[in-house]
Amino acid sequence: MQNVATRSQALYATRIDLDEDTRIELVGITNQQLADTIDLYLQTKQAHWNVKGPDFYAVHKFFDDLAASVEEFIDELGERVTALGGIALGTTRMAAEFSTLEEFDTSIVSSDDCLKALIERYAAYAASTRVAIERASELGDPTSEDLFTEISRVIDKDLYFLESHVQG
């Protein structure tokens, strides 16, 4: 699997006051987050559609709420890529090619197993988002850093909600 950040891409002209090399790297980082976000959204929907068990309705609704929370960031990330002069790589096939998240096993249907699978993916996504925050800061782009920080805030809360179902 090729990492999206290694994919070379010409940029459109923009008056954003970041040099071209910085924008190229930020486009790669943001497209990587876009691929992972699309994948996380669809994996959450996979759990939502297929979950089974005595607590079906509550968990089914919970997963749908989580998916809606993640979905909001897809557009924000894609638009940030284009604001930086890049091309947003946001089709399902592109997300599948570049996502760093582990695939959701279709045999997972019990609510406990779905929760555990999503916990793993949300934790991985939260960690990669923190790396994106740090790199955007190092590159001197507070706007991308702020976007990644907002995503991190929401994903950490969602991870807490997921983990609360299996703790105790």
N, C-alpha and C. Protein backbone atom coordinates (compact mmCIF):
# COMPACT_ATOMS: atom_id res chain seq x y z
N MET A 1 0.84 -1.18 0.00
CA MET A 1 0.00 0.00 0.00
C MET A 1 0.89 1.25 0.00
N GLN A 2 0.64 2.12 -0.93
CA GLN A 2 1.39 3.38 -1.04
C GLN A 2 0.79 4.39 -0.04
N ASN A 3 1.64 5.10 0.64
CA ASN A 3 1.19 6.17 1.52
C ASN A 3 0.87 7.38 0.65
N VAL A 4 -0.25 8.00 0.93
CA VAL A 4 -0.68 9.13 0.10
C VAL A 4 0.33 10.28 0.14
N ALA A 5 1.05 10.42 1.23
CA ALA A 5 2.02 11.51 1.35
C ALA A 5 3.18 11.35 0.37
N THR A 6 3.41 10.13 -0.12
CA THR A 6 4.50 9.91 -1.07
C THR A 6 4.05 10.10 -2.52
N ARG A 7 2.76 10.31 -2.72
CA ARG A 7 2.23 10.50 -4.07
C ARG A 7 2.52 11.93 -4.51
N SER A 8 3.27 12.09 -5.58
CA SER A 8 3.64 13.41 -6.08
C SER A 8 2.44 14.06 -6.76
N GLN A 9 2.30 15.34 -6.57
CA GLN A 9 1.14 16.04 -7.08
C GLN A 9 1.49 17.50 -7.35
N ALA A 10 1.14 17.99 -8.52
CA ALA A 10 1.35 19.40 -8.83
C ALA A 10 0.30 20.22 -8.07
N LEU A 11 0.68 21.42 -7.70
CA LEU A 11 -0.24 22.29 -6.97
C LEU A 11 -0.80 23.38 -7.87
N TYR A 12 -1.99 23.81 -7.55
CA TYR A 12 -2.56 24.99 -8.17
C TYR A 12 -1.99 26.22 -7.47
N ALA A 13 -1.94 27.32 -8.18
CA ALA A 13 -1.45 28.57 -7.59
C ALA A 13 -2.43 29.03 -6.52
N THR A 14 -1.88 29.58 -5.45
CA THR A 14 -2.69 30.16 -4.38
C THR A 14 -1.88 31.26 -3.73
N ARG A 15 -2.57 32.18 -3.12
CA ARG A 15 -1.88 33.26 -2.40
C ARG A 15 -1.72 32.96 -0.92
N ILE A 16 -2.02 31.73 -0.52
CA ILE A 16 -1.74 31.33 0.87
C ILE A 16 -0.23 31.48 1.08
N ASP A 17 0.15 32.09 2.18
CA ASP A 17 1.55 32.44 2.41
C ASP A 17 2.38 31.29 2.99
N LEU A 18 2.29 30.14 2.34
CA LEU A 18 3.12 28.99 2.66
C LEU A 18 3.87 28.62 1.40
N ASP A 19 5.17 28.31 1.53
CA ASP A 19 5.94 27.98 0.32
C ASP A 19 5.45 26.66 -0.28
N GLU A 20 5.83 26.43 -1.52
CA GLU A 20 5.32 25.28 -2.27
C GLU A 20 5.68 23.95 -1.62
N ASP A 21 6.93 23.79 -1.17
CA ASP A 21 7.33 22.53 -0.54
C ASP A 21 6.50 22.26 0.72
N THR A 22 6.22 23.30 1.49
CA THR A 22 5.40 23.16 2.69
C THR A 22 3.99 22.74 2.31
N ARG A 23 3.43 23.40 1.29
CA ARG A 23 2.08 23.06 0.85
C ARG A 23 2.00 21.64 0.31
N ILE A 24 3.02 21.21 -0.42
CA ILE A 24 3.04 19.84 -0.94
C ILE A 24 2.98 18.84 0.22
N GLU A 25 3.79 19.07 1.25
CA GLU A 25 3.78 18.16 2.40
C GLU A 25 2.44 18.21 3.13
N LEU A 26 1.90 19.40 3.31
CA LEU A 26 0.61 19.53 3.99
C LEU A 26 -0.53 18.87 3.20
N VAL A 27 -0.49 18.99 1.88
CA VAL A 27 -1.48 18.32 1.04
C VAL A 27 -1.39 16.81 1.26
N GLY A 28 -0.18 16.27 1.30
CA GLY A 28 0.00 14.83 1.55
C GLY A 28 -0.54 14.40 2.90
N ILE A 29 -0.21 15.17 3.93
CA ILE A 29 -0.68 14.86 5.29
C ILE A 29 -2.21 14.93 5.34
N THR A 30 -2.77 15.96 4.75
CA THR A 30 -4.21 16.17 4.82
C THR A 30 -4.95 15.13 3.99
N ASN A 31 -4.41 14.77 2.83
CA ASN A 31 -5.02 13.71 2.04
C ASN A 31 -4.95 12.37 2.77
N GLN A 32 -3.86 12.14 3.53
CA GLN A 32 -3.78 10.91 4.32
C GLN A 32 -4.88 10.89 5.37
N GLN A 33 -5.07 12.00 6.04
CA GLN A 33 -6.15 12.09 7.03
C GLN A 33 -7.51 11.93 6.36
N LEU A 34 -7.65 12.47 5.16
CA LEU A 34 -8.91 12.33 4.42
C LEU A 34 -9.19 10.86 4.13
N ALA A 35 -8.19 10.12 3.64
CA ALA A 35 -8.37 8.70 3.35
C ALA A 35 -8.76 7.93 4.62
N ASP A 36 -8.06 8.20 5.70
CA ASP A 36 -8.36 7.51 6.96
C ASP A 36 -9.73 7.90 7.50
N THR A 37 -10.13 9.15 7.32
CA THR A 37 -11.42 9.61 7.81
C THR A 37 -12.56 8.95 7.03
N ILE A 38 -12.42 8.90 5.72
CA ILE A 38 -13.44 8.22 4.90
C ILE A 38 -13.54 6.75 5.31
N ASP A 39 -12.40 6.10 5.49
CA ASP A 39 -12.39 4.70 5.90
C ASP A 39 -13.00 4.53 7.28
N LEU A 40 -12.65 5.39 8.23
CA LEU A 40 -13.22 5.30 9.58
C LEU A 40 -14.73 5.48 9.54
N TYR A 41 -15.19 6.44 8.75
CA TYR A 41 -16.63 6.66 8.60
C TYR A 41 -17.31 5.38 8.08
N LEU A 42 -16.76 4.82 7.00
CA LEU A 42 -17.40 3.65 6.40
C LEU A 42 -17.29 2.41 7.30
N GLN A 43 -16.20 2.27 8.04
CA GLN A 43 -16.09 1.14 8.97
C GLN A 43 -17.08 1.29 10.12
N THR A 44 -17.32 2.52 10.55
CA THR A 44 -18.31 2.75 11.60
C THR A 44 -19.71 2.42 11.07
N LYS A 45 -19.98 2.79 9.82
CA LYS A 45 -21.26 2.43 9.21
C LYS A 45 -21.37 0.91 9.05
N GLN A 46 -20.26 0.24 8.72
CA GLN A 46 -20.26 -1.22 8.62
C GLN A 46 -20.72 -1.84 9.94
N ALA A 47 -20.17 -1.34 11.03
CA ALA A 47 -20.58 -1.84 12.35
C ALA A 47 -22.05 -1.50 12.61
N HIS A 48 -22.46 -0.31 12.27
CA HIS A 48 -23.84 0.15 12.45
C HIS A 48 -24.83 -0.78 11.72
N TRP A 49 -24.52 -1.10 10.48
CA TRP A 49 -25.43 -1.91 9.67
C TRP A 49 -25.51 -3.36 10.12
N ASN A 50 -24.43 -3.88 10.68
CA ASN A 50 -24.33 -5.32 10.91
C ASN A 50 -24.32 -5.76 12.36
N VAL A 51 -24.32 -4.84 13.30
CA VAL A 51 -24.25 -5.21 14.70
C VAL A 51 -25.46 -6.07 15.10
N LYS A 52 -25.21 -7.05 15.97
CA LYS A 52 -26.25 -7.95 16.48
C LYS A 52 -26.08 -8.09 17.98
N GLY A 53 -27.17 -8.42 18.66
CA GLY A 53 -27.08 -8.70 20.08
C GLY A 53 -28.26 -8.12 20.84
N PRO A 54 -28.33 -8.44 22.14
CA PRO A 54 -29.47 -8.00 22.95
C PRO A 54 -29.56 -6.47 23.10
N ASP A 55 -28.44 -5.78 22.92
CA ASP A 55 -28.43 -4.32 23.01
C ASP A 55 -28.38 -3.68 21.63
N PHE A 56 -28.89 -4.42 20.63
CA PHE A 56 -28.81 -4.00 19.23
C PHE A 56 -29.23 -2.55 19.02
N TYR A 57 -30.42 -2.20 19.43
CA TYR A 57 -30.96 -0.89 19.07
C TYR A 57 -30.09 0.24 19.60
N ALA A 58 -29.70 0.16 20.85
CA ALA A 58 -28.89 1.22 21.46
C ALA A 58 -27.52 1.33 20.78
N VAL A 59 -26.89 0.20 20.51
CA VAL A 59 -25.56 0.23 19.89
C VAL A 59 -25.67 0.64 18.42
N HIS A 60 -26.70 0.16 17.73
CA HIS A 60 -26.96 0.54 16.34
C HIS A 60 -27.08 2.06 16.23
N LYS A 61 -27.86 2.67 17.09
CA LYS A 61 -28.02 4.14 17.10
C LYS A 61 -26.71 4.84 17.48
N PHE A 62 -26.01 4.31 18.46
CA PHE A 62 -24.74 4.87 18.89
C PHE A 62 -23.74 4.90 17.75
N PHE A 63 -23.62 3.80 17.01
CA PHE A 63 -22.69 3.74 15.88
C PHE A 63 -23.09 4.75 14.80
N ASP A 64 -24.36 4.93 14.60
CA ASP A 64 -24.80 5.91 13.60
C ASP A 64 -24.42 7.33 14.03
N ASP A 65 -24.55 7.62 15.33
CA ASP A 65 -24.13 8.93 15.84
C ASP A 65 -22.62 9.13 15.68
N LEU A 66 -21.85 8.08 15.94
CA LEU A 66 -20.40 8.16 15.76
C LEU A 66 -20.06 8.43 14.29
N ALA A 67 -20.71 7.73 13.40
CA ALA A 67 -20.44 7.92 11.96
C ALA A 67 -20.75 9.35 11.55
N ALA A 68 -21.85 9.89 12.03
CA ALA A 68 -22.21 11.27 11.69
C ALA A 68 -21.16 12.25 12.19
N SER A 69 -20.60 11.97 13.36
CA SER A 69 -19.56 12.81 13.93
C SER A 69 -18.31 12.82 13.05
N VAL A 70 -17.92 11.66 12.55
CA VAL A 70 -16.75 11.53 11.69
C VAL A 70 -17.01 12.14 10.32
N GLU A 71 -18.20 11.94 9.80
CA GLU A 71 -18.53 12.38 8.43
C GLU A 71 -18.32 13.89 8.25
N GLU A 72 -18.58 14.66 9.28
CA GLU A 72 -18.42 16.12 9.20
C GLU A 72 -17.01 16.53 8.79
N PHE A 73 -16.02 15.73 9.14
CA PHE A 73 -14.63 16.10 8.87
C PHE A 73 -14.18 15.76 7.46
N ILE A 74 -14.91 14.92 6.77
CA ILE A 74 -14.53 14.55 5.41
C ILE A 74 -14.50 15.79 4.52
N ASP A 75 -15.55 16.58 4.55
CA ASP A 75 -15.62 17.79 3.73
C ASP A 75 -14.57 18.81 4.15
N GLU A 76 -14.38 18.97 5.45
CA GLU A 76 -13.40 19.93 5.95
C GLU A 76 -11.98 19.59 5.47
N LEU A 77 -11.64 18.31 5.52
CA LEU A 77 -10.30 17.89 5.09
C LEU A 77 -10.13 18.05 3.58
N GLY A 78 -11.14 17.64 2.81
CA GLY A 78 -11.06 17.79 1.36
C GLY A 78 -10.92 19.24 0.95
N GLU A 79 -11.66 20.11 1.59
CA GLU A 79 -11.58 21.54 1.27
C GLU A 79 -10.26 22.15 1.71
N ARG A 80 -9.67 21.65 2.78
CA ARG A 80 -8.35 22.15 3.20
C ARG A 80 -7.30 21.77 2.17
N VAL A 81 -7.37 20.56 1.64
CA VAL A 81 -6.44 20.14 0.58
C VAL A 81 -6.52 21.10 -0.59
N THR A 82 -7.73 21.42 -1.03
CA THR A 82 -7.88 22.28 -2.20
C THR A 82 -7.50 23.72 -1.88
N ALA A 83 -7.72 24.17 -0.65
CA ALA A 83 -7.30 25.51 -0.27
C ALA A 83 -5.77 25.64 -0.32
N LEU A 84 -5.09 24.54 -0.06
CA LEU A 84 -3.62 24.53 -0.12
C LEU A 84 -3.11 24.40 -1.55
N GLY A 85 -4.02 24.26 -2.51
CA GLY A 85 -3.66 24.15 -3.91
C GLY A 85 -3.57 22.73 -4.43
N GLY A 86 -3.95 21.77 -3.61
CA GLY A 86 -3.86 20.37 -4.00
C GLY A 86 -5.15 19.84 -4.58
N ILE A 87 -5.12 18.57 -4.92
CA ILE A 87 -6.29 17.83 -5.38
C ILE A 87 -6.69 16.89 -4.25
N ALA A 88 -7.92 17.01 -3.79
CA ALA A 88 -8.42 16.11 -2.74
C ALA A 88 -8.60 14.71 -3.33
N LEU A 89 -8.03 13.73 -2.66
CA LEU A 89 -8.12 12.33 -3.09
C LEU A 89 -9.18 11.64 -2.25
N GLY A 90 -10.45 11.83 -2.62
CA GLY A 90 -11.53 11.44 -1.73
C GLY A 90 -12.52 10.42 -2.25
N THR A 91 -12.20 9.68 -3.30
CA THR A 91 -13.13 8.64 -3.72
C THR A 91 -12.97 7.42 -2.81
N THR A 92 -13.95 6.55 -2.85
CA THR A 92 -13.88 5.34 -2.05
C THR A 92 -12.66 4.51 -2.42
N ARG A 93 -12.36 4.41 -3.71
CA ARG A 93 -11.20 3.62 -4.14
C ARG A 93 -9.90 4.26 -3.66
N MET A 94 -9.84 5.58 -3.70
CA MET A 94 -8.64 6.27 -3.20
C MET A 94 -8.47 6.04 -1.71
N ALA A 95 -9.57 6.16 -0.97
CA ALA A 95 -9.51 5.92 0.47
C ALA A 95 -9.05 4.49 0.76
N ALA A 96 -9.58 3.53 0.00
CA ALA A 96 -9.20 2.14 0.19
C ALA A 96 -7.71 1.93 -0.10
N GLU A 97 -7.21 2.61 -1.12
CA GLU A 97 -5.80 2.46 -1.49
C GLU A 97 -4.87 3.06 -0.44
N PHE A 98 -5.27 4.18 0.14
CA PHE A 98 -4.35 4.92 1.00
C PHE A 98 -4.62 4.83 2.50
N SER A 99 -5.75 4.29 2.91
CA SER A 99 -6.05 4.25 4.34
C SER A 99 -5.01 3.44 5.10
N THR A 100 -4.67 3.92 6.27
CA THR A 100 -3.73 3.20 7.14
C THR A 100 -4.47 2.35 8.18
N LEU A 101 -5.79 2.42 8.19
CA LEU A 101 -6.57 1.69 9.19
C LEU A 101 -6.70 0.22 8.79
N GLU A 102 -6.74 -0.64 9.80
CA GLU A 102 -6.96 -2.06 9.58
C GLU A 102 -8.38 -2.26 9.03
N GLU A 103 -8.52 -3.21 8.10
CA GLU A 103 -9.82 -3.50 7.50
C GLU A 103 -10.77 -4.08 8.56
N PHE A 104 -12.04 -3.76 8.43
CA PHE A 104 -13.07 -4.28 9.32
C PHE A 104 -13.47 -5.68 8.85
N ASP A 105 -13.31 -6.67 9.69
CA ASP A 105 -13.62 -8.05 9.36
C ASP A 105 -15.14 -8.23 9.30
N THR A 106 -15.64 -8.73 8.19
CA THR A 106 -17.09 -8.87 8.02
C THR A 106 -17.70 -9.93 8.92
N SER A 107 -16.87 -10.75 9.56
CA SER A 107 -17.43 -11.74 10.49
C SER A 107 -17.73 -11.12 11.85
N ILE A 108 -17.32 -9.88 12.06
CA ILE A 108 -17.56 -9.20 13.34
C ILE A 108 -18.99 -8.65 13.33
N VAL A 109 -19.83 -9.19 14.22
CA VAL A 109 -21.21 -8.70 14.30
C VAL A 109 -21.71 -8.50 15.73
N SER A 110 -21.15 -9.21 16.70
CA SER A 110 -21.64 -9.03 18.08
C SER A 110 -21.29 -7.61 18.54
N SER A 111 -22.14 -7.06 19.37
CA SER A 111 -21.90 -5.68 19.80
C SER A 111 -20.55 -5.54 20.49
N ASP A 112 -20.17 -6.50 21.32
CA ASP A 112 -18.86 -6.41 22.00
C ASP A 112 -17.71 -6.42 21.00
N ASP A 113 -17.78 -7.31 20.02
CA ASP A 113 -16.71 -7.39 19.02
C ASP A 113 -16.68 -6.15 18.13
N CYS A 114 -17.85 -5.63 17.78
CA CYS A 114 -17.90 -4.39 16.99
C CYS A 114 -17.29 -3.23 17.78
N LEU A 115 -17.63 -3.14 19.06
CA LEU A 115 -17.07 -2.09 19.90
C LEU A 115 -15.55 -2.19 19.97
N LYS A 116 -15.04 -3.40 20.19
CA LYS A 116 -13.58 -3.59 20.28
C LYS A 116 -12.90 -3.23 18.96
N ALA A 117 -13.49 -3.63 17.85
CA ALA A 117 -12.91 -3.32 16.54
C ALA A 117 -12.88 -1.81 16.31
N LEU A 118 -13.97 -1.14 16.65
CA LEU A 118 -14.01 0.31 16.46
C LEU A 118 -13.05 1.02 17.42
N ILE A 119 -12.91 0.52 18.63
CA ILE A 119 -11.96 1.11 19.58
C ILE A 119 -10.55 1.08 18.98
N GLU A 120 -10.16 -0.04 18.40
CA GLU A 120 -8.83 -0.15 17.78
C GLU A 120 -8.66 0.89 16.67
N ARG A 121 -9.67 1.04 15.84
CA ARG A 121 -9.57 1.95 14.70
C ARG A 121 -9.61 3.41 15.14
N TYR A 122 -10.47 3.73 16.10
CA TYR A 122 -10.54 5.11 16.59
C TYR A 122 -9.24 5.49 17.30
N ALA A 123 -8.65 4.55 18.03
CA ALA A 123 -7.38 4.83 18.71
C ALA A 123 -6.26 5.07 17.69
N ALA A 124 -6.21 4.25 16.65
CA ALA A 124 -5.19 4.44 15.61
C ALA A 124 -5.38 5.77 14.89
N TYR A 125 -6.62 6.10 14.59
CA TYR A 125 -6.93 7.36 13.93
C TYR A 125 -6.58 8.56 14.83
N ALA A 126 -6.89 8.45 16.11
CA ALA A 126 -6.56 9.52 17.05
C ALA A 126 -5.05 9.73 17.10
N ALA A 127 -4.29 8.65 17.11
CA ALA A 127 -2.83 8.76 17.15
C ALA A 127 -2.28 9.41 15.88
N SER A 128 -2.78 9.02 14.72
CA SER A 128 -2.29 9.62 13.47
C SER A 128 -2.69 11.09 13.37
N THR A 129 -3.82 11.43 13.95
CA THR A 129 -4.25 12.83 13.95
C THR A 129 -3.32 13.68 14.80
N ARG A 130 -2.86 13.14 15.93
CA ARG A 130 -1.90 13.88 16.75
C ARG A 130 -0.57 14.08 16.02
N VAL A 131 -0.17 13.10 15.23
CA VAL A 131 1.04 13.25 14.42
C VAL A 131 0.83 14.37 13.39
N ALA A 132 -0.35 14.42 12.79
CA ALA A 132 -0.66 15.47 11.82
C ALA A 132 -0.65 16.85 12.49
N ILE A 133 -1.17 16.94 13.71
CA ILE A 133 -1.16 18.20 14.46
C ILE A 133 0.28 18.67 14.64
N GLU A 134 1.11 17.76 15.11
CA GLU A 134 2.52 18.11 15.39
C GLU A 134 3.24 18.56 14.12
N ARG A 135 3.02 17.84 13.02
CA ARG A 135 3.73 18.18 11.78
C ARG A 135 3.22 19.51 11.22
N ALA A 136 1.92 19.75 11.26
CA ALA A 136 1.38 21.02 10.78
C ALA A 136 1.96 22.18 11.60
N SER A 137 2.14 21.97 12.89
CA SER A 137 2.75 22.99 13.74
C SER A 137 4.19 23.24 13.32
N GLU A 138 4.95 22.16 13.12
CA GLU A 138 6.35 22.29 12.70
C GLU A 138 6.47 23.00 11.36
N LEU A 139 5.48 22.80 10.48
CA LEU A 139 5.50 23.44 9.16
C LEU A 139 4.97 24.87 9.18
N GLY A 140 4.52 25.33 10.34
CA GLY A 140 4.06 26.71 10.47
C GLY A 140 2.69 26.97 9.85
N ASP A 141 1.80 25.96 9.91
CA ASP A 141 0.45 26.12 9.38
C ASP A 141 -0.58 25.97 10.50
N PRO A 142 -0.88 27.08 11.19
CA PRO A 142 -1.82 27.00 12.31
C PRO A 142 -3.24 26.65 11.86
N THR A 143 -3.58 26.90 10.60
CA THR A 143 -4.93 26.59 10.13
C THR A 143 -5.13 25.08 10.02
N SER A 144 -4.18 24.39 9.40
CA SER A 144 -4.27 22.93 9.33
C SER A 144 -4.14 22.33 10.73
N GLU A 145 -3.25 22.89 11.52
CA GLU A 145 -3.09 22.42 12.90
C GLU A 145 -4.41 22.53 13.67
N ASP A 146 -5.11 23.64 13.50
CA ASP A 146 -6.39 23.84 14.17
C ASP A 146 -7.43 22.83 13.71
N LEU A 147 -7.48 22.57 12.40
CA LEU A 147 -8.42 21.58 11.88
C LEU A 147 -8.13 20.21 12.48
N PHE A 148 -6.86 19.80 12.48
CA PHE A 148 -6.50 18.51 13.04
C PHE A 148 -6.79 18.46 14.55
N THR A 149 -6.60 19.59 15.24
CA THR A 149 -6.88 19.64 16.67
C THR A 149 -8.36 19.46 16.95
N GLU A 150 -9.20 20.09 16.15
CA GLU A 150 -10.65 19.92 16.31
C GLU A 150 -11.05 18.47 16.08
N ILE A 151 -10.48 17.86 15.06
CA ILE A 151 -10.76 16.44 14.79
C ILE A 151 -10.31 15.61 15.98
N SER A 152 -9.14 15.88 16.50
CA SER A 152 -8.61 15.14 17.63
C SER A 152 -9.52 15.25 18.85
N ARG A 153 -10.02 16.44 19.09
CA ARG A 153 -10.92 16.66 20.23
C ARG A 153 -12.16 15.76 20.12
N VAL A 154 -12.76 15.73 18.94
CA VAL A 154 -13.98 14.94 18.73
C VAL A 154 -13.67 13.44 18.77
N ILE A 155 -12.60 13.03 18.12
CA ILE A 155 -12.26 11.60 18.07
C ILE A 155 -11.89 11.08 19.46
N ASP A 156 -11.17 11.87 20.25
CA ASP A 156 -10.86 11.44 21.61
C ASP A 156 -12.14 11.26 22.43
N LYS A 157 -13.10 12.15 22.25
CA LYS A 157 -14.38 12.02 22.96
C LYS A 157 -15.12 10.78 22.48
N ASP A 158 -15.13 10.56 21.17
CA ASP A 158 -15.80 9.37 20.64
C ASP A 158 -15.12 8.09 21.12
N LEU A 159 -13.80 8.11 21.19
CA LEU A 159 -13.06 6.95 21.71
C LEU A 159 -13.44 6.70 23.17
N TYR A 160 -13.55 7.75 23.95
CA TYR A 160 -13.98 7.63 25.35
C TYR A 160 -15.37 6.99 25.42
N PHE A 161 -16.29 7.43 24.56
CA PHE A 161 -17.63 6.84 24.55
C PHE A 161 -17.57 5.36 24.18
N LEU A 162 -16.77 5.01 23.18
CA LEU A 162 -16.63 3.61 22.78
C LEU A 162 -16.05 2.78 23.93
N GLU A 163 -14.96 3.27 24.52
CA GLU A 163 -14.31 2.51 25.60
C GLU A 163 -15.20 2.37 26.82
N SER A 164 -16.06 3.33 27.06
CA SER A 164 -16.96 3.26 28.21
C SER A 164 -17.92 2.08 28.13
N HIS A 165 -18.18 1.61 26.93
CA HIS A 165 -19.07 0.45 26.74
C HIS A 165 -18.43 -0.87 27.17
N VAL A 166 -17.10 -0.91 27.21
CA VAL A 166 -16.42 -2.18 27.52
C VAL A 166 -15.64 -2.11 28.83
N GLN A 167 -15.59 -0.97 29.47
CA GLN A 167 -14.85 -0.82 30.73
C GLN A 167 -15.75 -1.14 31.90
N GLY A 168 -15.12 -1.47 33.02
CA GLY A 168 -15.86 -1.62 34.26
C GLY A 168 -16.17 -3.02 34.67
